[in-house]
Amino acid sequence: MLGFALALTALPANAQSAWQPARNVEIVVPSAPGGSNDKTARGIERIIHDKRLLTSTLTVVNKPGGGNAMTMNYLNQHLGDAHYMMIGTPTILTNHIIGASPLNYTDFTPIASLFNEYIVFAVKADSNIKTGRDLGERLKKDPKSVSIGFATAVGSHNHIAAGLLAKAIGGDVRALKVIAFKGSSEAIAALLGGHIDLVTTAAGNVAEQIEAGKLRIVGIAANQRLTAPFAAVPTWKEQGINVVFGGWRSVMGPKGMSAPQIAYWEKIMAQVVASPEWKNDLERNYLTDDFALSERFKVDLQQDYVSMKAVLGDLGLAK
């Protein structure tokens, strides 16, 4: 996707759109409070509020459940109404590919891509899975011996990450014991409680538990090592396993939004991601800038759908 500097040049000259919100705006989150989706929405809300970018009020609304279906259905009830936005994730693609939802990315209006996050593989600090090698050996010998939790649905990017690891080490991908939670915070709580063995999630979701010594990371699906407290953790590539995978976050509106409405929200989001506060949030949560405006984001979604369908087909999940 285009970088921020290039993306800004795509803003139309008449970005001072004639449309603006006439009442409260909702940013709908497809997961429970506490996870990366929720943090993204609340980060946007905070910057918009502090910088007074809107003349109207703005609230964050959590609608977890159904693997993003609750949020997608809710937004779909407000066709053409730009007072409703949602935090978009790859699940909007994978749900359609695996047959979990009739709604696809084409049923919404892409506003902007925001960032990408790489997936970490976390276990309890006292787990007998000490290293990535230990995890790989167990998954290859008996995939069902490791219960894997993630948000927010079967077939999500967090699930795909686990499947890619199993495939890379020669395990039976379809035999994985997986449990989908409404949010990453719930999956992490289950891991800390000893109810599951492994969580695949964004690094920022477990940084606090890593620093507190409650969890341990055995592998990171990134091209290079992350900063502290993950600096000592080798990537999967360093451990001889070619797994590099992450998930993007975006802002999407309901289908049928007008060009002036899209232009308005493009301008708002460009101001949000240009702020020092946003850049600090990316660094603090180990995220990679991936800002792109509506038209370019639409092309990226088309390409991602094709590649995701191929991956999920390999994993035996595509319908």
Protein backbone atom coordinates (compact mmCIF):
# COMPACT_ATOMS: atom_id res chain seq x y z
CA MET A 1 0.00 0.00 0.00
CA LEU A 2 1.09 3.57 -0.55
CA GLY A 3 2.96 5.39 2.16
CA PHE A 4 1.49 8.34 4.01
CA ALA A 5 3.25 11.00 1.93
CA LEU A 6 2.01 9.59 -1.34
CA ALA A 7 -1.45 8.99 0.07
CA LEU A 8 -1.84 12.63 1.01
CA THR A 9 -1.25 13.68 -2.57
CA ALA A 10 -4.30 11.66 -3.54
CA LEU A 11 -6.55 13.94 -1.55
CA PRO A 12 -8.79 15.89 -3.94
CA ALA A 13 -8.24 19.60 -4.27
CA ASN A 14 -11.77 20.21 -3.02
CA ALA A 15 -11.27 18.07 0.09
CA GLN A 16 -13.18 20.72 2.02
CA SER A 17 -16.29 18.66 1.41
CA ALA A 18 -19.75 20.18 1.48
CA TRP A 19 -20.87 17.25 3.65
CA GLN A 20 -20.22 17.09 7.38
CA PRO A 21 -21.77 15.15 10.25
CA ALA A 22 -25.09 16.51 11.49
CA ARG A 23 -25.28 14.34 14.62
CA ASN A 24 -23.27 11.88 16.69
CA VAL A 25 -20.84 9.64 14.79
CA GLU A 26 -20.31 6.02 15.81
CA ILE A 27 -17.08 4.08 15.30
CA VAL A 28 -18.17 0.47 15.66
CA VAL A 29 -15.67 -2.12 16.89
CA PRO A 30 -16.16 -5.79 15.91
CA SER A 31 -14.67 -7.12 19.16
CA ALA A 32 -14.78 -6.69 22.92
CA PRO A 33 -13.04 -3.81 24.73
CA GLY A 34 -9.31 -4.17 25.34
CA GLY A 35 -8.04 -5.72 22.10
CA SER A 36 -6.24 -4.09 19.18
CA ASN A 37 -9.47 -3.28 17.33
CA ASP A 38 -10.79 -1.42 20.37
CA LYS A 39 -7.47 0.36 20.93
CA THR A 40 -7.51 1.51 17.31
CA ALA A 41 -10.99 2.99 17.56
CA ARG A 42 -10.30 4.69 20.87
CA GLY A 43 -7.03 6.10 19.58
CA ILE A 44 -8.90 7.67 16.64
CA GLU A 45 -11.60 8.95 19.01
CA ARG A 46 -9.03 10.51 21.34
CA ILE A 47 -7.15 12.32 18.57
CA ILE A 48 -10.32 13.57 16.90
CA HIS A 49 -11.61 14.85 20.24
CA ASP A 50 -8.36 16.43 21.41
CA LYS A 51 -7.75 18.17 18.10
CA ARG A 52 -11.42 19.08 17.66
CA LEU A 53 -11.50 17.67 14.14
CA LEU A 54 -15.30 17.18 14.23
CA THR A 55 -18.06 19.63 14.99
CA SER A 56 -20.26 16.74 16.13
CA THR A 57 -19.76 14.21 18.92
CA LEU A 58 -18.16 10.81 18.34
CA THR A 59 -18.50 7.59 20.31
CA VAL A 60 -16.94 4.14 20.15
CA VAL A 61 -19.45 1.27 20.18
CA ASN A 62 -18.34 -2.34 20.76
CA LYS A 63 -20.41 -4.99 19.00
CA PRO A 64 -18.57 -8.29 19.41
CA GLY A 65 -19.99 -11.59 18.28
CA GLY A 66 -20.43 -13.76 15.25
CA GLY A 67 -16.85 -13.26 14.10
CA ASN A 68 -17.46 -9.60 13.14
CA ALA A 69 -20.97 -10.41 11.89
CA MET A 70 -22.65 -8.23 14.53
CA THR A 71 -20.71 -5.16 13.44
CA MET A 72 -21.02 -5.86 9.72
CA ASN A 73 -24.77 -6.41 9.96
CA TYR A 74 -25.17 -3.28 12.07
CA LEU A 75 -23.33 -1.13 9.56
CA ASN A 76 -25.25 -2.72 6.73
CA GLN A 77 -28.46 -1.39 8.31
CA HIS A 78 -27.26 2.19 7.72
CA LEU A 79 -26.67 2.25 3.98
CA GLY A 80 -25.34 5.58 2.74
CA ASP A 81 -25.18 7.04 6.26
CA ALA A 82 -21.67 8.40 6.90
CA HIS A 83 -22.40 8.84 10.60
CA TYR A 84 -21.43 5.17 11.00
CA MET A 85 -17.89 3.84 10.59
CA MET A 86 -16.33 0.56 11.58
CA ILE A 87 -12.84 -0.71 12.26
CA GLY A 88 -12.19 -3.09 9.38
CA THR A 89 -9.94 -6.16 9.61
CA PRO A 90 -9.05 -9.03 7.25
CA THR A 91 -12.01 -10.88 8.77
CA ILE A 92 -14.26 -8.89 6.45
CA LEU A 93 -12.58 -10.88 3.66
CA THR A 94 -12.12 -14.22 5.37
CA ASN A 95 -15.70 -14.45 6.67
CA HIS A 96 -16.95 -14.33 3.11
CA ILE A 97 -14.30 -16.74 1.82
CA ILE A 98 -15.09 -19.42 4.42
CA GLY A 99 -18.84 -18.95 4.05
CA ALA A 100 -19.39 -17.48 7.52
CA SER A 101 -21.05 -14.34 6.15
CA PRO A 102 -22.81 -13.39 2.91
CA LEU A 103 -21.34 -9.88 3.31
CA ASN A 104 -18.08 -9.10 1.53
CA TYR A 105 -15.81 -6.06 1.38
CA THR A 106 -17.83 -4.91 -1.63
CA ASP A 107 -20.81 -4.41 0.70
CA PHE A 108 -19.00 -1.54 2.46
CA THR A 109 -17.22 1.68 1.57
CA PRO A 110 -13.44 1.62 2.07
CA ILE A 111 -12.32 4.88 3.68
CA ALA A 112 -8.67 4.30 4.57
CA SER A 113 -6.19 1.60 5.44
CA LEU A 114 -4.35 2.47 8.67
CA PHE A 115 -1.60 0.04 9.68
CA ASN A 116 -0.38 -3.54 9.69
CA GLU A 117 0.46 -5.68 12.72
CA TYR A 118 2.54 -8.83 12.89
CA ILE A 119 1.36 -11.86 14.84
CA VAL A 120 3.12 -13.18 17.95
CA PHE A 121 2.71 -16.66 19.45
CA ALA A 122 2.29 -16.41 23.23
CA VAL A 123 2.28 -19.06 25.96
CA LYS A 124 2.16 -18.83 29.77
CA ALA A 125 5.48 -18.13 31.41
CA ASP A 126 5.40 -21.55 33.14
CA SER A 127 4.34 -23.44 29.99
CA ASN A 128 6.35 -26.52 29.04
CA ILE A 129 6.41 -25.03 25.54
CA LYS A 130 9.67 -23.15 26.01
CA THR A 131 10.68 -22.34 22.43
CA GLY A 132 9.38 -22.17 18.91
CA ARG A 133 11.00 -25.55 18.30
CA ASP A 134 8.99 -27.04 21.18
CA LEU A 135 5.76 -25.67 19.73
CA GLY A 136 6.60 -26.89 16.23
CA GLU A 137 7.41 -30.40 17.47
CA ARG A 138 4.15 -30.67 19.41
CA LEU A 139 2.03 -29.37 16.54
CA LYS A 140 3.67 -31.80 14.13
CA LYS A 141 3.41 -34.81 16.45
CA ASP A 142 -0.10 -34.13 17.76
CA PRO A 143 -1.85 -30.92 16.57
CA LYS A 144 -4.69 -31.43 19.04
CA SER A 145 -2.29 -31.37 22.01
CA VAL A 146 -2.07 -27.57 21.78
CA SER A 147 -5.26 -25.55 22.27
CA ILE A 148 -4.93 -22.29 20.33
CA GLY A 149 -6.99 -19.21 21.12
CA PHE A 150 -7.41 -16.07 19.04
CA ALA A 151 -9.84 -13.31 18.07
CA THR A 152 -12.31 -13.00 16.56
CA ALA A 153 -13.39 -15.92 14.36
CA VAL A 154 -12.37 -19.17 12.75
CA GLY A 155 -10.60 -18.17 9.55
CA SER A 156 -9.43 -14.81 10.95
CA HIS A 157 -5.88 -13.58 10.29
CA ASN A 158 -4.88 -14.79 13.77
CA HIS A 159 -6.16 -18.25 12.86
CA ILE A 160 -4.41 -18.13 9.50
CA ALA A 161 -1.12 -17.38 11.28
CA ALA A 162 -1.46 -20.57 13.35
CA GLY A 163 -2.38 -22.54 10.25
CA LEU A 164 0.59 -21.21 8.31
CA LEU A 165 2.91 -22.32 11.11
CA ALA A 166 1.39 -25.81 11.17
CA LYS A 167 1.71 -26.07 7.41
CA ALA A 168 5.29 -24.82 7.41
CA ILE A 169 6.43 -27.49 9.91
CA GLY A 170 4.57 -30.26 8.09
CA GLY A 171 1.70 -30.64 10.55
CA ASP A 172 -1.92 -31.44 9.86
CA VAL A 173 -3.48 -28.01 9.51
CA ARG A 174 -7.04 -29.28 9.65
CA ALA A 175 -6.40 -31.08 12.95
CA LEU A 176 -5.49 -27.94 14.90
CA LYS A 177 -7.44 -27.41 18.12
CA VAL A 178 -8.60 -23.81 17.78
CA ILE A 179 -10.92 -21.64 19.87
CA ALA A 180 -12.22 -18.28 18.66
CA PHE A 181 -12.88 -15.57 21.26
CA LYS A 182 -14.82 -12.33 20.93
CA GLY A 183 -11.67 -10.30 21.55
CA SER A 184 -7.94 -10.77 22.07
CA SER A 185 -8.29 -9.69 25.71
CA GLU A 186 -10.62 -12.65 26.33
CA ALA A 187 -8.20 -15.05 24.64
CA ILE A 188 -5.31 -13.72 26.72
CA ALA A 189 -7.36 -14.05 29.92
CA ALA A 190 -8.06 -17.68 29.03
CA LEU A 191 -4.36 -18.25 28.45
CA LEU A 192 -3.41 -16.66 31.78
CA GLY A 193 -6.05 -18.80 33.47
CA GLY A 194 -4.55 -21.97 32.06
CA HIS A 195 -7.61 -22.80 29.96
CA ILE A 196 -5.73 -22.80 26.64
CA ASP A 197 -2.08 -23.36 25.67
CA LEU A 198 -1.35 -20.70 23.08
CA VAL A 199 -2.62 -17.36 21.80
CA THR A 200 -1.89 -15.85 18.41
CA THR A 201 -2.36 -12.09 18.55
CA ALA A 202 -0.83 -8.68 17.92
CA ALA A 203 2.32 -7.87 19.88
CA GLY A 204 0.78 -4.82 21.52
CA ASN A 205 -1.94 -6.96 23.10
CA VAL A 206 0.54 -8.94 25.23
CA ALA A 207 3.39 -6.46 25.84
CA GLU A 208 2.21 -5.71 29.39
CA GLN A 209 2.01 -9.40 30.31
CA ILE A 210 5.45 -10.04 28.78
CA GLU A 211 7.00 -7.22 30.83
CA ALA A 212 5.29 -8.58 33.95
CA GLY A 213 6.72 -12.05 33.31
CA LYS A 214 3.30 -13.65 32.99
CA LEU A 215 3.58 -14.69 29.34
CA ARG A 216 6.38 -15.72 26.99
CA ILE A 217 6.64 -15.33 23.21
CA VAL A 218 8.03 -18.33 21.34
CA GLY A 219 7.91 -16.89 17.83
CA ILE A 220 7.00 -13.79 15.84
CA ALA A 221 5.64 -13.86 12.27
CA ALA A 222 7.60 -10.76 11.20
CA ASN A 223 10.46 -10.09 8.80
CA GLN A 224 12.65 -8.82 11.60
CA ARG A 225 12.68 -8.68 15.38
CA LEU A 226 10.47 -6.24 17.21
CA THR A 227 11.64 -3.75 19.80
CA ALA A 228 11.60 -4.32 23.58
CA PRO A 229 10.11 -6.23 25.31
CA PHE A 230 10.23 -8.53 22.27
CA ALA A 231 13.80 -7.79 21.18
CA ALA A 232 15.16 -11.12 22.42
CA VAL A 233 12.45 -13.18 20.68
CA PRO A 234 13.55 -14.69 17.34
CA THR A 235 11.27 -14.48 14.34
CA TRP A 236 10.00 -17.71 12.84
CA LYS A 237 12.35 -17.14 9.90
CA GLU A 238 15.29 -17.04 12.32
CA GLN A 239 14.10 -20.38 13.66
CA GLY A 240 14.11 -21.88 10.17
CA ILE A 241 10.36 -21.62 9.61
CA ASN A 242 9.23 -19.35 6.78
CA VAL A 243 6.15 -17.71 8.32
CA VAL A 244 5.66 -13.95 7.88
CA PHE A 245 2.10 -12.77 8.40
CA GLY A 246 0.10 -9.93 9.87
CA GLY A 247 -3.26 -8.22 9.81
CA TRP A 248 -4.24 -4.73 8.73
CA ARG A 249 -6.67 -2.34 10.34
CA SER A 250 -8.82 0.14 8.46
CA VAL A 251 -11.80 2.45 8.62
CA MET A 252 -14.80 1.46 6.52
CA GLY A 253 -18.24 2.94 6.11
CA PRO A 254 -21.58 1.53 4.97
CA LYS A 255 -22.23 0.89 1.32
CA GLY A 256 -23.65 3.76 -0.70
CA MET A 257 -21.64 6.64 0.75
CA SER A 258 -21.38 9.64 -1.58
CA ALA A 259 -18.14 11.08 -2.93
CA PRO A 260 -18.37 14.15 -0.64
CA GLN A 261 -18.87 11.87 2.39
CA ILE A 262 -15.86 9.76 1.43
CA ALA A 263 -13.74 12.87 0.85
CA TYR A 264 -14.73 14.24 4.25
CA TRP A 265 -13.64 11.12 6.12
CA GLU A 266 -10.47 10.78 4.03
CA LYS A 267 -9.50 14.26 5.15
CA ILE A 268 -10.27 13.48 8.80
CA MET A 269 -8.28 10.24 8.76
CA ALA A 270 -5.33 11.95 7.01
CA GLN A 271 -5.26 14.44 9.87
CA VAL A 272 -5.45 11.66 12.45
CA VAL A 273 -2.55 9.61 11.05
CA ALA A 274 -0.41 12.74 10.55
CA SER A 275 -0.59 13.56 14.26
CA PRO A 276 2.36 12.85 16.59
CA GLU A 277 -0.09 11.08 18.91
CA TRP A 278 -0.97 8.54 16.21
CA LYS A 279 2.67 7.95 15.31
CA ASN A 280 3.45 7.40 18.98
CA ASP A 281 0.57 4.92 19.21
CA LEU A 282 1.99 2.95 16.26
CA GLU A 283 5.43 2.79 17.85
CA ARG A 284 4.09 1.95 21.30
CA ASN A 285 1.93 -0.89 19.97
CA TYR A 286 4.51 -2.32 17.53
CA LEU A 287 2.49 -1.43 14.43
CA THR A 288 3.64 -0.66 10.87
CA ASP A 289 2.25 2.41 9.09
CA ASP A 290 0.14 1.37 6.10
CA PHE A 291 -1.99 4.44 5.34
CA ALA A 292 -3.82 4.54 2.01
CA LEU A 293 -6.94 6.36 0.89
CA SER A 294 -10.19 4.94 -0.48
CA GLU A 295 -9.39 4.24 -4.14
CA ARG A 296 -6.01 2.67 -3.46
CA PHE A 297 -7.36 0.77 -0.47
CA LYS A 298 -10.13 -0.62 -2.67
CA VAL A 299 -7.52 -2.07 -5.05
CA ASP A 300 -5.59 -3.55 -2.13
CA LEU A 301 -8.76 -5.20 -0.83
CA GLN A 302 -9.35 -6.82 -4.21
CA GLN A 303 -5.81 -8.19 -4.23
CA ASP A 304 -5.98 -9.32 -0.61
CA TYR A 305 -9.23 -11.17 -1.25
CA VAL A 306 -7.59 -13.23 -3.99
CA SER A 307 -4.50 -14.04 -1.90
CA MET A 308 -6.54 -14.78 1.25
CA LYS A 309 -8.77 -17.15 -0.70
CA ALA A 310 -5.71 -19.04 -1.89
CA VAL A 311 -4.30 -19.33 1.66
CA LEU A 312 -7.59 -20.42 3.18
CA GLY A 313 -8.00 -22.94 0.39
CA ASP A 314 -4.61 -24.41 1.32
CA LEU A 315 -5.73 -24.56 4.93
CA GLY A 316 -8.94 -26.36 4.00
CA LEU A 317 -11.23 -23.52 5.07
CA ALA A 318 -12.36 -21.87 1.84
CA LYS A 319 -15.87 -22.73 0.67
